[in-house]
Amino acid sequence: VLPQVLALYSGRKKMSLSNCLHKPDEERTKEKHVPEMKLSGNHVDIRCGATVMHPATEKHYIGTIRLFGITKEGNVTLELGCQQIWPGLGEPVASFRVCDLEKYKGLLAVAYCNLHGCWENYMEL
């Protein structure tokens, strides 16, 4: 979904999203890395793990959760927000308010795990 030129920064590492994204499929729908989205009005709540929350320890953690919007006009991907999560200090959850939600055809959540890379989930609007 994201163009190859988009890059995700986590700490001092720069990673091309096109090389590191894991996408949910039928076998991984309960994967604890997948950023699950819930939309209520123009608020998006994201948590990593549908049934089992991702660990939040100093050795294994979700470092960032990012939200992107894909526009209806021009099919442009825009970053709508980023939540930094410090190792061992917070659960892998984020909440964003999206202005002008009606201009987007979909939302993309991307979570970065320090051990297992980037994970994405797409929600069609």
C-alpha atoms as a PDB file:
ATOM      1  CA  VAL A   1       0.000   0.000   0.000  1.00  0.00           C
ATOM      2  CA  LEU A   2       2.822   2.414   0.798  1.00  0.00           C
ATOM      3  CA  PRO A   3       5.174   3.693  -1.872  1.00  0.00           C
ATOM      4  CA  GLN A   4       8.712   2.339  -1.701  1.00  0.00           C
ATOM      5  CA  VAL A   5      10.183   5.778  -1.079  1.00  0.00           C
ATOM      6  CA  LEU A   6       8.489   6.057   2.315  1.00  0.00           C
ATOM      7  CA  ALA A   7      10.851   5.317   5.176  1.00  0.00           C
ATOM      8  CA  LEU A   8      10.212   4.580   8.835  1.00  0.00           C
ATOM      9  CA  TYR A   9      12.634   5.827  11.436  1.00  0.00           C
ATOM     10  CA  SER A  10      12.991   3.994  14.709  1.00  0.00           C
ATOM     11  CA  GLY A  11      15.751   5.293  16.918  1.00  0.00           C
ATOM     12  CA  ARG A  12      18.839   5.484  14.741  1.00  0.00           C
ATOM     13  CA  LYS A  13      17.713   2.843  12.264  1.00  0.00           C
ATOM     14  CA  LYS A  14      16.238   3.853   8.932  1.00  0.00           C
ATOM     15  CA  MET A  15      14.278   1.074   7.311  1.00  0.00           C
ATOM     16  CA  SER A  16      12.492   1.035   3.982  1.00  0.00           C
ATOM     17  CA  LEU A  17       8.920  -0.027   4.669  1.00  0.00           C
ATOM     18  CA  SER A  18       8.744  -1.909   1.377  1.00  0.00           C
ATOM     19  CA  ASN A  19      11.434  -4.287   2.658  1.00  0.00           C
ATOM     20  CA  CYS A  20      10.174  -4.949   6.167  1.00  0.00           C
ATOM     21  CA  LEU A  21       6.365  -4.936   6.251  1.00  0.00           C
ATOM     22  CA  HIS A  22       4.497  -7.990   7.433  1.00  0.00           C
ATOM     23  CA  LYS A  23       0.839  -8.088   6.452  1.00  0.00           C
ATOM     24  CA  PRO A  24      -1.912  -9.906   8.323  1.00  0.00           C
ATOM     25  CA  ASP A  25      -3.355 -12.942   6.584  1.00  0.00           C
ATOM     26  CA  GLU A  26      -5.726 -15.697   7.660  1.00  0.00           C
ATOM     27  CA  GLU A  27      -3.047 -17.584   9.605  1.00  0.00           C
ATOM     28  CA  ARG A  28      -1.805 -14.468  11.402  1.00  0.00           C
ATOM     29  CA  THR A  29      -5.078 -12.708  12.234  1.00  0.00           C
ATOM     30  CA  LYS A  30      -4.406 -13.258  15.935  1.00  0.00           C
ATOM     31  CA  GLU A  31      -0.735 -12.296  15.661  1.00  0.00           C
ATOM     32  CA  LYS A  32       0.302 -10.057  18.552  1.00  0.00           C
ATOM     33  CA  HIS A  33       2.308  -7.766  16.250  1.00  0.00           C
ATOM     34  CA  VAL A  34      -0.565  -6.760  13.955  1.00  0.00           C
ATOM     35  CA  PRO A  35      -1.854  -3.245  14.741  1.00  0.00           C
ATOM     36  CA  GLU A  36      -5.617  -3.668  15.179  1.00  0.00           C
ATOM     37  CA  MET A  37      -7.679  -0.539  14.467  1.00  0.00           C
ATOM     38  CA  LYS A  38     -11.052   0.525  15.855  1.00  0.00           C
ATOM     39  CA  LEU A  39     -12.767   3.546  14.349  1.00  0.00           C
ATOM     40  CA  SER A  40     -15.295   5.574  16.342  1.00  0.00           C
ATOM     41  CA  GLY A  41     -16.336   8.780  14.618  1.00  0.00           C
ATOM     42  CA  ASN A  42     -13.052  10.428  13.688  1.00  0.00           C
ATOM     43  CA  HIS A  43     -11.044   8.709  16.456  1.00  0.00           C
ATOM     44  CA  VAL A  44      -8.834   5.723  15.656  1.00  0.00           C
ATOM     45  CA  ASP A  45      -7.685   3.485  18.495  1.00  0.00           C
ATOM     46  CA  ILE A  46      -4.849   1.074  17.701  1.00  0.00           C
ATOM     47  CA  ARG A  47      -3.506  -1.800  19.781  1.00  0.00           C
ATOM     48  CA  CYS A  48      -0.946  -4.422  18.829  1.00  0.00           C
ATOM     49  CA  GLY A  49      -2.562  -7.791  19.311  1.00  0.00           C
ATOM     50  CA  ALA A  50      -6.206  -8.692  18.774  1.00  0.00           C
ATOM     51  CA  THR A  51      -6.518 -11.173  21.620  1.00  0.00           C
ATOM     52  CA  VAL A  52      -3.051 -11.153  23.197  1.00  0.00           C
ATOM     53  CA  MET A  53      -1.297  -7.811  23.697  1.00  0.00           C
ATOM     54  CA  HIS A  54       2.277  -7.560  22.399  1.00  0.00           C
ATOM     55  CA  PRO A  55       4.951  -7.642  25.147  1.00  0.00           C
ATOM     56  CA  ALA A  56       6.156  -4.306  26.504  1.00  0.00           C
ATOM     57  CA  THR A  57       9.495  -5.138  28.085  1.00  0.00           C
ATOM     58  CA  GLU A  58      12.902  -3.519  27.716  1.00  0.00           C
ATOM     59  CA  LYS A  59      14.053  -6.413  25.504  1.00  0.00           C
ATOM     60  CA  HIS A  60      10.937  -6.888  23.339  1.00  0.00           C
ATOM     61  CA  TYR A  61       8.604  -4.005  22.571  1.00  0.00           C
ATOM     62  CA  ILE A  62       6.652  -2.025  19.996  1.00  0.00           C
ATOM     63  CA  GLY A  63       8.628   1.197  19.541  1.00  0.00           C
ATOM     64  CA  THR A  64       6.272   3.151  17.281  1.00  0.00           C
ATOM     65  CA  ILE A  65       2.738   2.991  15.983  1.00  0.00           C
ATOM     66  CA  ARG A  66       2.050   5.137  12.925  1.00  0.00           C
ATOM     67  CA  LEU A  67      -1.205   5.934  11.176  1.00  0.00           C
ATOM     68  CA  PHE A  68      -1.411   6.778   7.476  1.00  0.00           C
ATOM     69  CA  GLY A  69      -4.367   7.883   5.378  1.00  0.00           C
ATOM     70  CA  ILE A  70      -4.760   7.028   1.693  1.00  0.00           C
ATOM     71  CA  THR A  71      -6.638   9.826  -0.058  1.00  0.00           C
ATOM     72  CA  LYS A  72      -9.588   9.261  -2.383  1.00  0.00           C
ATOM     73  CA  GLU A  73      -8.292  11.917  -4.743  1.00  0.00           C
ATOM     74  CA  GLY A  74      -4.865  11.187  -6.147  1.00  0.00           C
ATOM     75  CA  ASN A  75      -4.315   8.015  -4.084  1.00  0.00           C
ATOM     76  CA  VAL A  76      -1.756   9.860  -1.930  1.00  0.00           C
ATOM     77  CA  THR A  77      -0.454   8.326   1.310  1.00  0.00           C
ATOM     78  CA  LEU A  78      -0.203  10.846   4.163  1.00  0.00           C
ATOM     79  CA  GLU A  79       1.157  10.277   7.653  1.00  0.00           C
ATOM     80  CA  LEU A  80      -1.593  11.253  10.096  1.00  0.00           C
ATOM     81  CA  GLY A  81       0.182  10.518  13.352  1.00  0.00           C
ATOM     82  CA  CYS A  82       2.949   8.724  15.206  1.00  0.00           C
ATOM     83  CA  GLN A  83       3.018   7.414  18.766  1.00  0.00           C
ATOM     84  CA  GLN A  84       6.452   6.693  20.267  1.00  0.00           C
ATOM     85  CA  ILE A  85       6.402   4.007  22.965  1.00  0.00           C
ATOM     86  CA  TRP A  86       9.379   3.780  25.308  1.00  0.00           C
ATOM     87  CA  PRO A  87      10.707   0.271  26.060  1.00  0.00           C
ATOM     88  CA  GLY A  88       9.177  -1.160  29.198  1.00  0.00           C
ATOM     89  CA  LEU A  89       7.181   2.003  29.949  1.00  0.00           C
ATOM     90  CA  GLY A  90       3.970   1.657  27.987  1.00  0.00           C
ATOM     91  CA  GLU A  91       1.579  -0.743  26.340  1.00  0.00           C
ATOM     92  CA  PRO A  92       1.546  -0.920  22.533  1.00  0.00           C
ATOM     93  CA  VAL A  93      -1.527   1.270  22.059  1.00  0.00           C
ATOM     94  CA  ALA A  94      -2.166   4.582  20.324  1.00  0.00           C
ATOM     95  CA  SER A  95      -5.105   6.890  19.759  1.00  0.00           C
ATOM     96  CA  PHE A  96      -5.417   9.415  16.949  1.00  0.00           C
ATOM     97  CA  ARG A  97      -8.028  11.957  15.893  1.00  0.00           C
ATOM     98  CA  VAL A  98      -8.319  12.212  12.109  1.00  0.00           C
ATOM     99  CA  CYS A  99      -9.450  15.535  10.662  1.00  0.00           C
ATOM    100  CA  ASP A 100     -11.418  15.427   7.401  1.00  0.00           C
ATOM    101  CA  LEU A 101     -11.835  11.641   7.574  1.00  0.00           C
ATOM    102  CA  GLU A 102     -14.173  11.764   4.571  1.00  0.00           C
ATOM    103  CA  LYS A 103     -11.267  12.601   2.219  1.00  0.00           C
ATOM    104  CA  TYR A 104      -9.621   9.204   2.858  1.00  0.00           C
ATOM    105  CA  LYS A 105     -10.517   5.890   1.252  1.00  0.00           C
ATOM    106  CA  GLY A 106      -8.506   3.892   3.755  1.00  0.00           C
ATOM    107  CA  LEU A 107      -6.310   3.952   6.838  1.00  0.00           C
ATOM    108  CA  LEU A 108      -3.050   2.081   7.289  1.00  0.00           C
ATOM    109  CA  ALA A 109      -1.551   1.341  10.694  1.00  0.00           C
ATOM    110  CA  VAL A 110       2.123   0.370  10.936  1.00  0.00           C
ATOM    111  CA  ALA A 111       3.747  -0.937  14.122  1.00  0.00           C
ATOM    112  CA  TYR A 112       7.490  -1.392  14.609  1.00  0.00           C
ATOM    113  CA  CYS A 113       8.701  -4.247  16.846  1.00  0.00           C
ATOM    114  CA  ASN A 114      12.353  -4.010  17.869  1.00  0.00           C
ATOM    115  CA  LEU A 115      12.850  -7.760  17.269  1.00  0.00           C
ATOM    116  CA  HIS A 116      10.476  -8.580  14.406  1.00  0.00           C
ATOM    117  CA  GLY A 117      10.311  -5.453  12.240  1.00  0.00           C
ATOM    118  CA  CYS A 118       7.303  -3.624  10.844  1.00  0.00           C
ATOM    119  CA  TRP A 119       3.730  -4.909  10.750  1.00  0.00           C
ATOM    120  CA  GLU A 120       0.819  -3.322   8.914  1.00  0.00           C
ATOM    121  CA  ASN A 121      -2.942  -3.468   8.841  1.00  0.00           C
ATOM    122  CA  TYR A 122      -5.255  -1.706   6.368  1.00  0.00           C
ATOM    123  CA  MET A 123      -8.822  -0.548   7.000  1.00  0.00           C
ATOM    124  CA  GLU A 124     -11.008   0.392   4.049  1.00  0.00           C
ATOM    125  CA  LEU A 125     -13.378   3.265   4.815  1.00  0.00           C
END
